[in-house]
Amino acid sequence: LPPILYIKRPLLKQNAIAPYDTSGISPSSICLYDPSQPEQGEQVVFHDPELKICDMSLSWDARTIYFSAGARNMSIFRINVDASAGSGQVGTGLTRLTDESAADISPCELPDGRVAFISTRHGAFVVCQGRRSGLLYTMAPDGTDVRKLSANIDSDHTPRVTNDGRIMFSRWDYGIEKNVFARHALWTVNPDGTRMQLVFGNTIEDPAALWEARAIPGREEIVCTFRPHHNGQAGMIGLVWPGNGPEQPRGEGYRWITREYPVWGDRTYHHGYRDAFPINEKHFLVAYGGTQDDKPGPMKLLLLDAFGNEALIRHDPEGLGL
């Protein structure tokens, strides 16, 4: 495996409906770890005791980290990373891209260099709770030229880039008749805001939400977190293949990889699986803190294959989560 970036912190229990309203948790830092040289341990790319880190992503050239952090509202930052720095300074050129006038999270670099992110700056609220609504935006790499791409009446989450350059994200949508516990499907939109369309899952009721979706390079499949609508952001890891249609049932349109629970519902599982990152079509990096008997523990970094087999990559000796 190549060097791996991760956020190190205690277990973060984010609200699934409005994750941008998180107050964060301390201590938190962005770290770099090379599995081929475990004796070197981890290198700290970024740490500020005044800022709590929410989420992050890596640029296409692997030289820049975009991340959200804050003391009050989350803001978006970028920092350069140099994996060859050895024991030197790994993170340089820290730049704040947005201020604290709104909550901004989930930055993701687009193929044209712009950055997609989720923001509450439009000032609306979700329709069934007194929580702010976060919608999909883009901005220039320096934080200027902010454009709103979504007109959702509720909220959008975790934007990522598909293999053909579209933005894929989770969309909370009341536009279909089904229970109130199953409301997050996968949608895409072009980076210029045109052609917003359903990818998968608007009528699927279990899992209740498809979250943190990433396209598998060179394949039509998508790896994502199967998780609840109302409760924490962790859950099970599964595969979606929309080539059979956007609403195919379990076994035809999607399947579980991890197997703690045969169904998911609106279960709370803060220490479950999350943040799957495809290495190839059959292997994924994931974070996980639970055990088979459902006892919570610090999140650790695992290598997961498409058949549910796991191998430990790293856990924090001081008991923090990765």
C-alpha atoms as a PDB file:
ATOM      1  CA  LEU A   1       0.000   0.000   0.000  1.00  0.00           C
ATOM      2  CA  PRO A   2       1.152   3.597  -0.630  1.00  0.00           C
ATOM      3  CA  PRO A   3       1.280   6.257   2.135  1.00  0.00           C
ATOM      4  CA  ILE A   4      -2.145   6.885   3.699  1.00  0.00           C
ATOM      5  CA  LEU A   5      -3.674  10.090   5.061  1.00  0.00           C
ATOM      6  CA  TYR A   6      -6.202  10.014   7.885  1.00  0.00           C
ATOM      7  CA  ILE A   7      -7.766  12.186  10.591  1.00  0.00           C
ATOM      8  CA  LYS A   8      -6.814  11.157  14.131  1.00  0.00           C
ATOM      9  CA  ARG A   9      -9.288  12.056  16.897  1.00  0.00           C
ATOM     10  CA  PRO A  10     -11.623  10.591  19.522  1.00  0.00           C
ATOM     11  CA  LEU A  11     -14.868   9.037  18.277  1.00  0.00           C
ATOM     12  CA  LEU A  12     -16.858  11.784  16.511  1.00  0.00           C
ATOM     13  CA  LYS A  13     -20.627  11.307  16.925  1.00  0.00           C
ATOM     14  CA  GLN A  14     -21.936  13.478  14.088  1.00  0.00           C
ATOM     15  CA  ASN A  15     -25.621  13.970  13.471  1.00  0.00           C
ATOM     16  CA  ALA A  16     -26.464  12.352  10.147  1.00  0.00           C
ATOM     17  CA  ILE A  17     -29.104  14.896   9.150  1.00  0.00           C
ATOM     18  CA  ALA A  18     -26.935  17.973   9.699  1.00  0.00           C
ATOM     19  CA  PRO A  19     -23.265  16.913   9.948  1.00  0.00           C
ATOM     20  CA  TYR A  20     -22.147  20.477   9.218  1.00  0.00           C
ATOM     21  CA  ASP A  21     -23.606  21.470  12.612  1.00  0.00           C
ATOM     22  CA  THR A  22     -21.013  19.360  14.406  1.00  0.00           C
ATOM     23  CA  SER A  23     -19.022  21.117  17.100  1.00  0.00           C
ATOM     24  CA  GLY A  24     -16.160  18.760  16.322  1.00  0.00           C
ATOM     25  CA  ILE A  25     -13.973  17.008  18.859  1.00  0.00           C
ATOM     26  CA  SER A  26     -10.468  17.488  20.220  1.00  0.00           C
ATOM     27  CA  PRO A  27      -7.677  16.666  19.880  1.00  0.00           C
ATOM     28  CA  SER A  28      -7.783  16.202  16.117  1.00  0.00           C
ATOM     29  CA  SER A  29      -5.013  16.158  13.531  1.00  0.00           C
ATOM     30  CA  ILE A  30      -4.319  15.088   9.936  1.00  0.00           C
ATOM     31  CA  CYS A  31      -1.626  12.421   9.799  1.00  0.00           C
ATOM     32  CA  LEU A  32       0.395  10.590   7.159  1.00  0.00           C
ATOM     33  CA  TYR A  33       1.398   6.935   7.569  1.00  0.00           C
ATOM     34  CA  ASP A  34       3.415   4.694   5.255  1.00  0.00           C
ATOM     35  CA  PRO A  35       2.440   0.996   5.714  1.00  0.00           C
ATOM     36  CA  SER A  36       5.669  -0.064   3.983  1.00  0.00           C
ATOM     37  CA  GLN A  37       7.687   1.654   6.737  1.00  0.00           C
ATOM     38  CA  PRO A  38       5.712   1.055   9.944  1.00  0.00           C
ATOM     39  CA  GLU A  39       8.780   1.654  12.091  1.00  0.00           C
ATOM     40  CA  GLN A  40       8.623   5.349  11.144  1.00  0.00           C
ATOM     41  CA  GLY A  41       5.184   5.760  12.693  1.00  0.00           C
ATOM     42  CA  GLU A  42       2.937   8.602  11.596  1.00  0.00           C
ATOM     43  CA  GLN A  43       3.798  12.154  10.576  1.00  0.00           C
ATOM     44  CA  VAL A  44       1.543  15.063  11.524  1.00  0.00           C
ATOM     45  CA  VAL A  45       0.481  17.101   8.494  1.00  0.00           C
ATOM     46  CA  PHE A  46      -1.782  19.510  10.384  1.00  0.00           C
ATOM     47  CA  HIS A  47      -2.719  20.151  13.994  1.00  0.00           C
ATOM     48  CA  ASP A  48      -4.117  23.261  15.634  1.00  0.00           C
ATOM     49  CA  PRO A  49      -5.451  22.960  19.203  1.00  0.00           C
ATOM     50  CA  GLU A  50      -7.975  25.715  18.445  1.00  0.00           C
ATOM     51  CA  LEU A  51      -9.489  23.893  15.439  1.00  0.00           C
ATOM     52  CA  LYS A  52     -11.525  20.679  15.344  1.00  0.00           C
ATOM     53  CA  ILE A  53     -11.342  18.763  12.059  1.00  0.00           C
ATOM     54  CA  CYS A  54     -14.539  17.472  10.426  1.00  0.00           C
ATOM     55  CA  ASP A  55     -13.527  15.844   7.103  1.00  0.00           C
ATOM     56  CA  MET A  56     -10.999  16.021   4.255  1.00  0.00           C
ATOM     57  CA  SER A  57     -10.087  14.904   0.731  1.00  0.00           C
ATOM     58  CA  LEU A  58      -6.950  14.747  -1.402  1.00  0.00           C
ATOM     59  CA  SER A  59      -6.328  16.568  -4.681  1.00  0.00           C
ATOM     60  CA  TRP A  60      -5.903  14.650  -7.935  1.00  0.00           C
ATOM     61  CA  ASP A  61      -2.132  15.143  -7.941  1.00  0.00           C
ATOM     62  CA  ALA A  62      -1.921  14.046  -4.267  1.00  0.00           C
ATOM     63  CA  ARG A  63      -0.136  17.270  -3.328  1.00  0.00           C
ATOM     64  CA  THR A  64      -2.952  19.200  -1.628  1.00  0.00           C
ATOM     65  CA  ILE A  65      -5.367  18.314   1.173  1.00  0.00           C
ATOM     66  CA  TYR A  66      -8.705  20.108   1.334  1.00  0.00           C
ATOM     67  CA  PHE A  67     -10.326  19.849   4.752  1.00  0.00           C
ATOM     68  CA  SER A  68     -12.977  21.403   6.969  1.00  0.00           C
ATOM     69  CA  ALA A  69     -12.263  22.499  10.525  1.00  0.00           C
ATOM     70  CA  GLY A  70     -13.432  25.120  12.976  1.00  0.00           C
ATOM     71  CA  ALA A  71     -13.951  26.312  16.506  1.00  0.00           C
ATOM     72  CA  ARG A  72     -17.549  27.440  15.872  1.00  0.00           C
ATOM     73  CA  ASN A  73     -18.772  27.018  12.285  1.00  0.00           C
ATOM     74  CA  MET A  74     -16.701  24.692  10.129  1.00  0.00           C
ATOM     75  CA  SER A  75     -14.621  26.383   7.420  1.00  0.00           C
ATOM     76  CA  ILE A  76     -12.653  24.974   4.485  1.00  0.00           C
ATOM     77  CA  PHE A  77      -8.862  25.020   4.346  1.00  0.00           C
ATOM     78  CA  ARG A  78      -6.184  23.646   2.100  1.00  0.00           C
ATOM     79  CA  ILE A  79      -2.653  22.567   2.926  1.00  0.00           C
ATOM     80  CA  ASN A  80       0.176  21.174   0.825  1.00  0.00           C
ATOM     81  CA  VAL A  81       1.471  17.703   1.704  1.00  0.00           C
ATOM     82  CA  ASP A  82       4.882  16.237   0.888  1.00  0.00           C
ATOM     83  CA  ALA A  83       5.138  12.516   1.641  1.00  0.00           C
ATOM     84  CA  SER A  84       8.873  12.592   0.858  1.00  0.00           C
ATOM     85  CA  ALA A  85       9.647  15.090   3.596  1.00  0.00           C
ATOM     86  CA  GLY A  86      10.697  12.300   5.966  1.00  0.00           C
ATOM     87  CA  SER A  87      11.063  13.719   9.441  1.00  0.00           C
ATOM     88  CA  GLY A  88      10.779  17.261   8.059  1.00  0.00           C
ATOM     89  CA  GLN A  89       7.708  19.433   7.710  1.00  0.00           C
ATOM     90  CA  VAL A  90       5.104  17.387   5.837  1.00  0.00           C
ATOM     91  CA  GLY A  91       2.348  20.027   5.717  1.00  0.00           C
ATOM     92  CA  THR A  92       3.041  23.525   4.331  1.00  0.00           C
ATOM     93  CA  GLY A  93       1.170  26.538   2.962  1.00  0.00           C
ATOM     94  CA  LEU A  94      -1.971  26.401   5.087  1.00  0.00           C
ATOM     95  CA  THR A  95      -4.685  28.589   3.502  1.00  0.00           C
ATOM     96  CA  ARG A  96      -8.229  29.322   4.705  1.00  0.00           C
ATOM     97  CA  LEU A  97     -10.707  29.299   1.802  1.00  0.00           C
ATOM     98  CA  THR A  98     -13.992  30.144   3.568  1.00  0.00           C
ATOM     99  CA  ASP A  99     -14.871  32.089   6.720  1.00  0.00           C
ATOM    100  CA  GLU A 100     -17.119  31.211   9.669  1.00  0.00           C
ATOM    101  CA  SER A 101     -20.179  33.133   8.456  1.00  0.00           C
ATOM    102  CA  ALA A 102     -21.658  29.751   7.438  1.00  0.00           C
ATOM    103  CA  ALA A 103     -20.820  26.096   8.018  1.00  0.00           C
ATOM    104  CA  ASP A 104     -18.790  24.651   5.122  1.00  0.00           C
ATOM    105  CA  ILE A 105     -17.704  20.987   5.006  1.00  0.00           C
ATOM    106  CA  SER A 106     -16.839  18.096   2.668  1.00  0.00           C
ATOM    107  CA  PRO A 107     -14.489  19.804   0.164  1.00  0.00           C
ATOM    108  CA  CYS A 108     -13.684  17.791  -2.958  1.00  0.00           C
ATOM    109  CA  GLU A 109     -11.462  18.869  -5.860  1.00  0.00           C
ATOM    110  CA  LEU A 110     -13.072  18.632  -9.306  1.00  0.00           C
ATOM    111  CA  PRO A 111     -11.261  17.726 -12.553  1.00  0.00           C
ATOM    112  CA  ASP A 112     -11.218  21.382 -13.668  1.00  0.00           C
ATOM    113  CA  GLY A 113      -9.573  22.493 -10.407  1.00  0.00           C
ATOM    114  CA  ARG A 114     -12.679  23.942  -8.771  1.00  0.00           C
ATOM    115  CA  VAL A 115     -13.726  22.629  -5.364  1.00  0.00           C
ATOM    116  CA  ALA A 116     -17.146  21.170  -4.547  1.00  0.00           C
ATOM    117  CA  PHE A 117     -18.366  21.483  -0.956  1.00  0.00           C
ATOM    118  CA  ILE A 118     -21.465  21.545   1.254  1.00  0.00           C
ATOM    119  CA  SER A 119     -22.553  24.849   2.809  1.00  0.00           C
ATOM    120  CA  THR A 120     -25.344  26.350   4.902  1.00  0.00           C
ATOM    121  CA  ARG A 121     -24.746  29.835   3.444  1.00  0.00           C
ATOM    122  CA  HIS A 122     -28.135  29.944   1.679  1.00  0.00           C
ATOM    123  CA  GLY A 123     -29.780  30.301   5.121  1.00  0.00           C
ATOM    124  CA  ALA A 124     -32.528  27.667   4.846  1.00  0.00           C
ATOM    125  CA  PHE A 125     -33.626  24.903   7.223  1.00  0.00           C
ATOM    126  CA  VAL A 126     -34.644  21.290   6.669  1.00  0.00           C
ATOM    127  CA  VAL A 127     -38.413  20.888   6.463  1.00  0.00           C
ATOM    128  CA  CYS A 128     -39.016  18.629   9.475  1.00  0.00           C
ATOM    129  CA  GLN A 129     -36.486  19.873  12.033  1.00  0.00           C
ATOM    130  CA  GLY A 130     -35.013  23.133  13.249  1.00  0.00           C
ATOM    131  CA  ARG A 131     -31.628  22.377  11.718  1.00  0.00           C
ATOM    132  CA  ARG A 132     -29.820  24.239   8.984  1.00  0.00           C
ATOM    133  CA  SER A 133     -29.878  22.862   5.464  1.00  0.00           C
ATOM    134  CA  GLY A 134     -26.576  22.275   3.672  1.00  0.00           C
ATOM    135  CA  LEU A 135     -26.481  22.378  -0.126  1.00  0.00           C
ATOM    136  CA  LEU A 136     -23.947  21.581  -2.838  1.00  0.00           C
ATOM    137  CA  TYR A 137     -21.710  24.459  -3.965  1.00  0.00           C
ATOM    138  CA  THR A 138     -18.497  24.911  -5.916  1.00  0.00           C
ATOM    139  CA  MET A 139     -15.772  27.544  -5.678  1.00  0.00           C
ATOM    140  CA  ALA A 140     -12.475  28.458  -7.309  1.00  0.00           C
ATOM    141  CA  PRO A 141      -9.345  26.929  -5.725  1.00  0.00           C
ATOM    142  CA  ASP A 142      -8.658  30.184  -3.873  1.00  0.00           C
ATOM    143  CA  GLY A 143     -12.164  30.346  -2.346  1.00  0.00           C
ATOM    144  CA  THR A 144     -13.614  32.942  -4.744  1.00  0.00           C
ATOM    145  CA  ASP A 145     -16.400  32.624  -7.335  1.00  0.00           C
ATOM    146  CA  VAL A 146     -18.765  30.584  -5.139  1.00  0.00           C
ATOM    147  CA  ARG A 147     -21.662  29.005  -7.085  1.00  0.00           C
ATOM    148  CA  LYS A 148     -24.703  27.133  -5.758  1.00  0.00           C
ATOM    149  CA  LEU A 149     -25.457  23.954  -7.719  1.00  0.00           C
ATOM    150  CA  SER A 150     -28.399  22.518  -5.769  1.00  0.00           C
ATOM    151  CA  ALA A 151     -31.916  23.776  -5.026  1.00  0.00           C
ATOM    152  CA  ASN A 152     -32.760  20.910  -2.676  1.00  0.00           C
ATOM    153  CA  ILE A 153     -35.350  21.803  -0.015  1.00  0.00           C
ATOM    154  CA  ASP A 154     -33.510  19.627   2.505  1.00  0.00           C
ATOM    155  CA  SER A 155     -29.773  18.853   2.381  1.00  0.00           C
ATOM    156  CA  ASP A 156     -26.959  17.335   0.314  1.00  0.00           C
ATOM    157  CA  HIS A 157     -23.971  15.405   1.635  1.00  0.00           C
ATOM    158  CA  THR A 158     -20.495  13.977   0.903  1.00  0.00           C
ATOM    159  CA  PRO A 159     -19.747  15.030  -2.710  1.00  0.00           C
ATOM    160  CA  ARG A 160     -17.267  12.908  -4.689  1.00  0.00           C
ATOM    161  CA  VAL A 161     -16.233  12.740  -8.357  1.00  0.00           C
ATOM    162  CA  THR A 162     -17.420   9.922 -10.634  1.00  0.00           C
ATOM    163  CA  ASN A 163     -15.226   8.200 -13.214  1.00  0.00           C
ATOM    164  CA  ASP A 164     -16.644  10.450 -15.952  1.00  0.00           C
ATOM    165  CA  GLY A 165     -16.165  13.708 -14.023  1.00  0.00           C
ATOM    166  CA  ARG A 166     -19.636  14.327 -12.565  1.00  0.00           C
ATOM    167  CA  ILE A 167     -20.254  15.174  -8.901  1.00  0.00           C
ATOM    168  CA  MET A 168     -21.912  12.318  -7.004  1.00  0.00           C
ATOM    169  CA  PHE A 169     -23.507  13.079  -3.644  1.00  0.00           C
ATOM    170  CA  SER A 170     -26.119  11.911  -1.149  1.00  0.00           C
ATOM    171  CA  ARG A 171     -29.386  13.836  -1.420  1.00  0.00           C
ATOM    172  CA  TRP A 172     -32.081  13.981   1.258  1.00  0.00           C
ATOM    173  CA  ASP A 173     -35.256  13.909  -0.789  1.00  0.00           C
ATOM    174  CA  TYR A 174     -38.960  13.812   0.129  1.00  0.00           C
ATOM    175  CA  GLY A 175     -39.985  13.451  -3.513  1.00  0.00           C
ATOM    176  CA  ILE A 176     -40.980   9.791  -3.287  1.00  0.00           C
ATOM    177  CA  GLU A 177     -43.591   8.007  -1.160  1.00  0.00           C
ATOM    178  CA  LYS A 178     -41.809   5.813   1.389  1.00  0.00           C
ATOM    179  CA  ASN A 179     -41.160   5.813   5.129  1.00  0.00           C
ATOM    180  CA  VAL A 180     -39.488   8.785   6.842  1.00  0.00           C
ATOM    181  CA  PHE A 181     -36.502   6.670   7.875  1.00  0.00           C
ATOM    182  CA  ALA A 182     -35.180   6.070   4.339  1.00  0.00           C
ATOM    183  CA  ARG A 183     -34.396   9.355   2.642  1.00  0.00           C
ATOM    184  CA  HIS A 184     -30.814   9.539   1.309  1.00  0.00           C
ATOM    185  CA  ALA A 185     -30.207   8.290  -2.239  1.00  0.00           C
ATOM    186  CA  LEU A 186     -27.273   8.858  -4.621  1.00  0.00           C
ATOM    187  CA  TRP A 187     -27.507  11.623  -7.229  1.00  0.00           C
ATOM    188  CA  THR A 188     -25.127  13.230  -9.708  1.00  0.00           C
ATOM    189  CA  VAL A 189     -24.811  16.664 -11.285  1.00  0.00           C
ATOM    190  CA  ASN A 190     -22.385  18.125 -13.811  1.00  0.00           C
ATOM    191  CA  PRO A 191     -19.793  20.509 -12.305  1.00  0.00           C
ATOM    192  CA  ASP A 192     -21.561  23.432 -14.012  1.00  0.00           C
ATOM    193  CA  GLY A 193     -24.854  22.572 -12.276  1.00  0.00           C
ATOM    194  CA  THR A 194     -26.614  21.007 -15.274  1.00  0.00           C
ATOM    195  CA  ARG A 195     -28.263  17.592 -15.566  1.00  0.00           C
ATOM    196  CA  MET A 196     -28.976  16.695 -11.960  1.00  0.00           C
ATOM    197  CA  GLN A 197     -30.230  13.102 -11.910  1.00  0.00           C
ATOM    198  CA  LEU A 198     -30.799  10.075  -9.712  1.00  0.00           C
ATOM    199  CA  VAL A 199     -28.059   7.429  -9.711  1.00  0.00           C
ATOM    200  CA  PHE A 200     -29.508   4.902  -7.307  1.00  0.00           C
ATOM    201  CA  GLY A 201     -31.802   4.236  -4.392  1.00  0.00           C
ATOM    202  CA  ASN A 202     -34.705   6.688  -4.230  1.00  0.00           C
ATOM    203  CA  THR A 203     -37.199   3.895  -3.487  1.00  0.00           C
ATOM    204  CA  ILE A 204     -34.829   1.654  -1.483  1.00  0.00           C
ATOM    205  CA  GLU A 205     -35.815   1.422   2.197  1.00  0.00           C
ATOM    206  CA  ASP A 206     -32.977  -0.658   3.619  1.00  0.00           C
ATOM    207  CA  PRO A 207     -30.350   0.643   3.837  1.00  0.00           C
ATOM    208  CA  ALA A 208     -32.020   3.909   4.807  1.00  0.00           C
ATOM    209  CA  ALA A 209     -29.183   6.033   3.437  1.00  0.00           C
ATOM    210  CA  LEU A 210     -26.320   5.688   0.970  1.00  0.00           C
ATOM    211  CA  TRP A 211     -23.444   7.831   2.207  1.00  0.00           C
ATOM    212  CA  GLU A 212     -19.788   8.619   1.441  1.00  0.00           C
ATOM    213  CA  ALA A 213     -20.100   7.089  -2.034  1.00  0.00           C
ATOM    214  CA  ARG A 214     -17.014   6.681  -4.210  1.00  0.00           C
ATOM    215  CA  ALA A 215     -16.838   5.356  -7.758  1.00  0.00           C
ATOM    216  CA  ILE A 216     -14.536   2.363  -8.174  1.00  0.00           C
ATOM    217  CA  PRO A 217     -11.928   3.311 -10.811  1.00  0.00           C
ATOM    218  CA  GLY A 218     -12.563   1.665 -14.167  1.00  0.00           C
ATOM    219  CA  ARG A 219     -15.780   0.020 -12.987  1.00  0.00           C
ATOM    220  CA  GLU A 220     -19.467   0.906 -12.852  1.00  0.00           C
ATOM    221  CA  GLU A 221     -19.724  -0.093  -9.189  1.00  0.00           C
ATOM    222  CA  ILE A 222     -19.857   2.354  -6.287  1.00  0.00           C
ATOM    223  CA  VAL A 223     -18.638   1.646  -2.758  1.00  0.00           C
ATOM    224  CA  CYS A 224     -20.419   3.491   0.030  1.00  0.00           C
ATOM    225  CA  THR A 225     -21.571   3.436   3.650  1.00  0.00           C
ATOM    226  CA  PHE A 226     -25.004   1.902   4.295  1.00  0.00           C
ATOM    227  CA  ARG A 227     -26.218   3.886   7.278  1.00  0.00           C
ATOM    228  CA  PRO A 228     -29.258   5.382   9.014  1.00  0.00           C
ATOM    229  CA  HIS A 229     -31.146   8.501   8.041  1.00  0.00           C
ATOM    230  CA  HIS A 230     -31.549  10.026  11.501  1.00  0.00           C
ATOM    231  CA  ASN A 231     -28.573   8.728  13.443  1.00  0.00           C
ATOM    232  CA  GLY A 232     -24.754   8.688  13.196  1.00  0.00           C
ATOM    233  CA  GLN A 233     -22.701   8.638  10.020  1.00  0.00           C
ATOM    234  CA  ALA A 234     -21.238   5.138  10.427  1.00  0.00           C
ATOM    235  CA  GLY A 235     -22.823   1.829   9.439  1.00  0.00           C
ATOM    236  CA  MET A 236     -22.011  -1.027   7.056  1.00  0.00           C
ATOM    237  CA  ILE A 237     -19.972  -0.970   3.833  1.00  0.00           C
ATOM    238  CA  GLY A 238     -21.670  -2.068   0.613  1.00  0.00           C
ATOM    239  CA  LEU A 239     -21.473  -2.015  -3.163  1.00  0.00           C
ATOM    240  CA  VAL A 240     -23.966  -0.426  -5.536  1.00  0.00           C
ATOM    241  CA  TRP A 241     -24.088  -1.180  -9.264  1.00  0.00           C
ATOM    242  CA  PRO A 242     -26.539   1.166 -11.040  1.00  0.00           C
ATOM    243  CA  GLY A 243     -26.043  -0.469 -14.448  1.00  0.00           C
ATOM    244  CA  ASN A 244     -29.084  -2.646 -13.763  1.00  0.00           C
ATOM    245  CA  GLY A 245     -31.222   0.451 -13.148  1.00  0.00           C
ATOM    246  CA  PRO A 246     -31.586   3.044 -10.400  1.00  0.00           C
ATOM    247  CA  GLU A 247     -34.030   1.109  -8.176  1.00  0.00           C
ATOM    248  CA  GLN A 248     -33.009  -2.557  -8.341  1.00  0.00           C
ATOM    249  CA  PRO A 249     -33.476  -4.644  -5.164  1.00  0.00           C
ATOM    250  CA  ARG A 250     -30.812  -6.147  -2.950  1.00  0.00           C
ATOM    251  CA  GLY A 251     -28.755  -8.738  -4.807  1.00  0.00           C
ATOM    252  CA  GLU A 252     -29.413  -7.072  -8.160  1.00  0.00           C
ATOM    253  CA  GLY A 253     -28.609  -3.407  -7.533  1.00  0.00           C
ATOM    254  CA  TYR A 254     -26.634  -3.486  -4.297  1.00  0.00           C
ATOM    255  CA  ARG A 255     -25.175  -5.808  -1.685  1.00  0.00           C
ATOM    256  CA  TRP A 256     -23.617  -5.712   1.782  1.00  0.00           C
ATOM    257  CA  ILE A 257     -19.877  -6.356   2.102  1.00  0.00           C
ATOM    258  CA  THR A 258     -19.617  -6.207   5.901  1.00  0.00           C
ATOM    259  CA  ARG A 259     -22.005  -8.518   7.727  1.00  0.00           C
ATOM    260  CA  GLU A 260     -22.639  -7.495  11.355  1.00  0.00           C
ATOM    261  CA  TYR A 261     -26.304  -6.871  10.584  1.00  0.00           C
ATOM    262  CA  PRO A 262     -28.342  -8.441   7.759  1.00  0.00           C
ATOM    263  CA  VAL A 263     -30.547  -5.328   7.639  1.00  0.00           C
ATOM    264  CA  TRP A 264     -29.846  -1.809   8.805  1.00  0.00           C
ATOM    265  CA  GLY A 265     -32.948   0.334   9.400  1.00  0.00           C
ATOM    266  CA  ASP A 266     -32.424   3.488  11.478  1.00  0.00           C
ATOM    267  CA  ARG A 267     -29.935   1.892  13.872  1.00  0.00           C
ATOM    268  CA  THR A 268     -27.370   4.052  15.680  1.00  0.00           C
ATOM    269  CA  TYR A 269     -23.842   2.694  15.276  1.00  0.00           C
ATOM    270  CA  HIS A 270     -21.322   5.519  15.744  1.00  0.00           C
ATOM    271  CA  HIS A 271     -18.380   3.109  15.926  1.00  0.00           C
ATOM    272  CA  GLY A 272     -19.363   1.202  12.764  1.00  0.00           C
ATOM    273  CA  TYR A 273     -17.733   1.256   9.347  1.00  0.00           C
ATOM    274  CA  ARG A 274     -17.258   4.463   7.374  1.00  0.00           C
ATOM    275  CA  ASP A 275     -15.122   6.314   4.808  1.00  0.00           C
ATOM    276  CA  ALA A 276     -14.522   3.473   2.340  1.00  0.00           C
ATOM    277  CA  PHE A 277     -11.819   4.351  -0.188  1.00  0.00           C
ATOM    278  CA  PRO A 278     -11.313   2.008  -3.184  1.00  0.00           C
ATOM    279  CA  ILE A 279      -7.745   0.833  -3.789  1.00  0.00           C
ATOM    280  CA  ASN A 280      -8.963  -1.274  -6.716  1.00  0.00           C
ATOM    281  CA  GLU A 281     -12.154  -3.124  -7.624  1.00  0.00           C
ATOM    282  CA  LYS A 282     -11.808  -5.607  -4.742  1.00  0.00           C
ATOM    283  CA  HIS A 283      -9.937  -3.814  -1.953  1.00  0.00           C
ATOM    284  CA  PHE A 284     -10.931  -0.799   0.139  1.00  0.00           C
ATOM    285  CA  LEU A 285      -9.522   1.251   2.991  1.00  0.00           C
ATOM    286  CA  VAL A 286     -12.118   1.666   5.746  1.00  0.00           C
ATOM    287  CA  ALA A 287     -12.357   3.013   9.284  1.00  0.00           C
ATOM    288  CA  TYR A 288     -14.004   0.797  11.918  1.00  0.00           C
ATOM    289  CA  GLY A 289     -14.337   0.889  15.697  1.00  0.00           C
ATOM    290  CA  GLY A 290     -16.855  -1.840  16.548  1.00  0.00           C
ATOM    291  CA  THR A 291     -16.590  -5.527  17.286  1.00  0.00           C
ATOM    292  CA  GLN A 292     -18.803  -8.512  16.585  1.00  0.00           C
ATOM    293  CA  ASP A 293     -20.461  -8.148  20.009  1.00  0.00           C
ATOM    294  CA  ASP A 294     -21.168  -4.465  19.253  1.00  0.00           C
ATOM    295  CA  LYS A 295     -18.799  -3.045  21.860  1.00  0.00           C
ATOM    296  CA  PRO A 296     -17.501   0.381  20.826  1.00  0.00           C
ATOM    297  CA  GLY A 297     -13.812   1.032  20.523  1.00  0.00           C
ATOM    298  CA  PRO A 298     -11.437   3.514  18.894  1.00  0.00           C
ATOM    299  CA  MET A 299     -11.737   3.699  15.106  1.00  0.00           C
ATOM    300  CA  LYS A 300      -8.920   1.812  13.399  1.00  0.00           C
ATOM    301  CA  LEU A 301      -7.743   1.642   9.804  1.00  0.00           C
ATOM    302  CA  LEU A 302      -8.524  -1.623   7.969  1.00  0.00           C
ATOM    303  CA  LEU A 303      -8.032  -3.133   4.538  1.00  0.00           C
ATOM    304  CA  LEU A 304     -11.379  -4.648   3.518  1.00  0.00           C
ATOM    305  CA  ASP A 305     -11.915  -6.853   0.472  1.00  0.00           C
ATOM    306  CA  ALA A 306     -15.082  -7.308  -1.572  1.00  0.00           C
ATOM    307  CA  PHE A 307     -15.881 -10.554   0.271  1.00  0.00           C
ATOM    308  CA  GLY A 308     -15.804  -9.038   3.764  1.00  0.00           C
ATOM    309  CA  ASN A 309     -12.306 -10.161   4.815  1.00  0.00           C
ATOM    310  CA  GLU A 310     -10.387  -7.620   6.894  1.00  0.00           C
ATOM    311  CA  ALA A 311      -6.751  -6.906   7.743  1.00  0.00           C
ATOM    312  CA  LEU A 312      -5.588  -4.343  10.280  1.00  0.00           C
ATOM    313  CA  ILE A 313      -3.388  -1.595   8.851  1.00  0.00           C
ATOM    314  CA  ARG A 314      -3.038   0.661  11.887  1.00  0.00           C
ATOM    315  CA  HIS A 315      -4.531   1.498  15.227  1.00  0.00           C
ATOM    316  CA  ASP A 316      -3.481   4.400  17.424  1.00  0.00           C
ATOM    317  CA  PRO A 317      -1.371   3.278  20.412  1.00  0.00           C
ATOM    318  CA  GLU A 318      -2.760   6.179  22.450  1.00  0.00           C
ATOM    319  CA  GLY A 319      -6.363   5.055  21.930  1.00  0.00           C
ATOM    320  CA  LEU A 320      -7.542   7.760  19.525  1.00  0.00           C
ATOM    321  CA  GLY A 321      -9.543   6.901  16.397  1.00  0.00           C
ATOM    322  CA  LEU A 322      -8.241   6.952  12.830  1.00  0.00           C
END
